[in-house]
Amino acid sequence: MKGSIFSDLLGKNIKAPFRDGKHIKVARGRLEAVKDGFIKVRGERGVILINQANIEKITCLD
């Protein structure tokens, strides 16, 4: 299986704007996992799983 384009950012602090319906939201935190088309971000307010298809772009904050 082909690796994700986000795999090289594992363990780094990121900012990831993503679509949630018609709204754009931003996840900020440490990228913990990239698996099965989803990414897992742990931030100050908890953990969020985001479908990679909904991500606009990812910025590394480190």
Protein backbone atom coordinates (compact mmCIF):
# COMPACT_ATOMS: atom_id res chain seq x y z
CA MET A 1 0.00 0.00 0.00
CA LYS A 2 1.26 3.49 -0.82
CA GLY A 3 2.31 5.64 2.16
CA SER A 4 0.56 8.88 3.06
CA ILE A 5 2.02 12.24 2.09
CA PHE A 6 1.64 13.24 5.76
CA SER A 7 3.80 10.41 7.15
CA ASP A 8 6.98 12.51 7.20
CA LEU A 9 5.32 14.91 9.72
CA LEU A 10 4.63 12.24 12.37
CA GLY A 11 5.51 13.48 15.86
CA LYS A 12 5.73 17.13 14.81
CA ASN A 13 3.50 20.03 15.84
CA ILE A 14 1.18 20.93 12.98
CA LYS A 15 -1.65 23.23 11.98
CA ALA A 16 -4.19 21.59 9.67
CA PRO A 17 -7.18 23.48 8.24
CA PHE A 18 -9.92 21.00 7.27
CA ARG A 19 -13.48 21.04 5.93
CA ASP A 20 -16.31 20.06 8.26
CA GLY A 21 -19.36 20.23 6.04
CA LYS A 22 -19.50 23.82 4.79
CA HIS A 23 -17.21 25.10 7.57
CA ILE A 24 -13.43 25.34 7.68
CA LYS A 25 -11.93 24.37 11.04
CA VAL A 26 -8.31 24.25 12.18
CA ALA A 27 -6.67 21.44 14.13
CA ARG A 28 -3.50 22.36 16.01
CA GLY A 29 -1.33 19.87 17.85
CA ARG A 30 1.04 16.94 17.47
CA LEU A 31 0.46 14.55 14.57
CA GLU A 32 0.28 11.15 16.26
CA ALA A 33 -0.84 8.71 13.57
CA VAL A 34 -1.49 8.41 9.85
CA LYS A 35 -3.53 5.32 9.01
CA ASP A 36 -6.25 4.15 6.62
CA GLY A 37 -6.92 7.59 5.12
CA PHE A 38 -7.15 9.40 8.47
CA ILE A 39 -4.76 11.45 10.58
CA LYS A 40 -4.80 11.68 14.38
CA VAL A 41 -3.93 15.05 15.96
CA ARG A 42 -3.55 15.51 19.75
CA GLY A 43 -3.93 19.10 20.89
CA GLU A 44 -4.66 21.02 24.08
CA ARG A 45 -8.39 20.23 23.87
CA GLY A 46 -8.12 16.53 23.08
CA VAL A 47 -7.72 14.22 20.10
CA ILE A 48 -9.27 14.58 16.66
CA LEU A 49 -9.34 12.15 13.74
CA ILE A 50 -9.54 13.83 10.34
CA ASN A 51 -10.17 12.25 6.96
CA GLN A 52 -7.20 13.11 4.73
CA ALA A 53 -9.55 14.03 1.88
CA ASN A 54 -10.93 16.91 3.99
CA ILE A 55 -7.56 18.49 4.77
CA GLU A 56 -6.82 21.73 2.92
CA LYS A 57 -3.09 21.78 3.77
CA ILE A 58 -0.79 21.03 6.69
CA THR A 59 1.77 23.45 8.10
CA CYS A 60 4.60 22.24 10.33
CA LEU A 61 5.01 24.50 13.38
CA ASP A 62 8.36 23.04 14.54
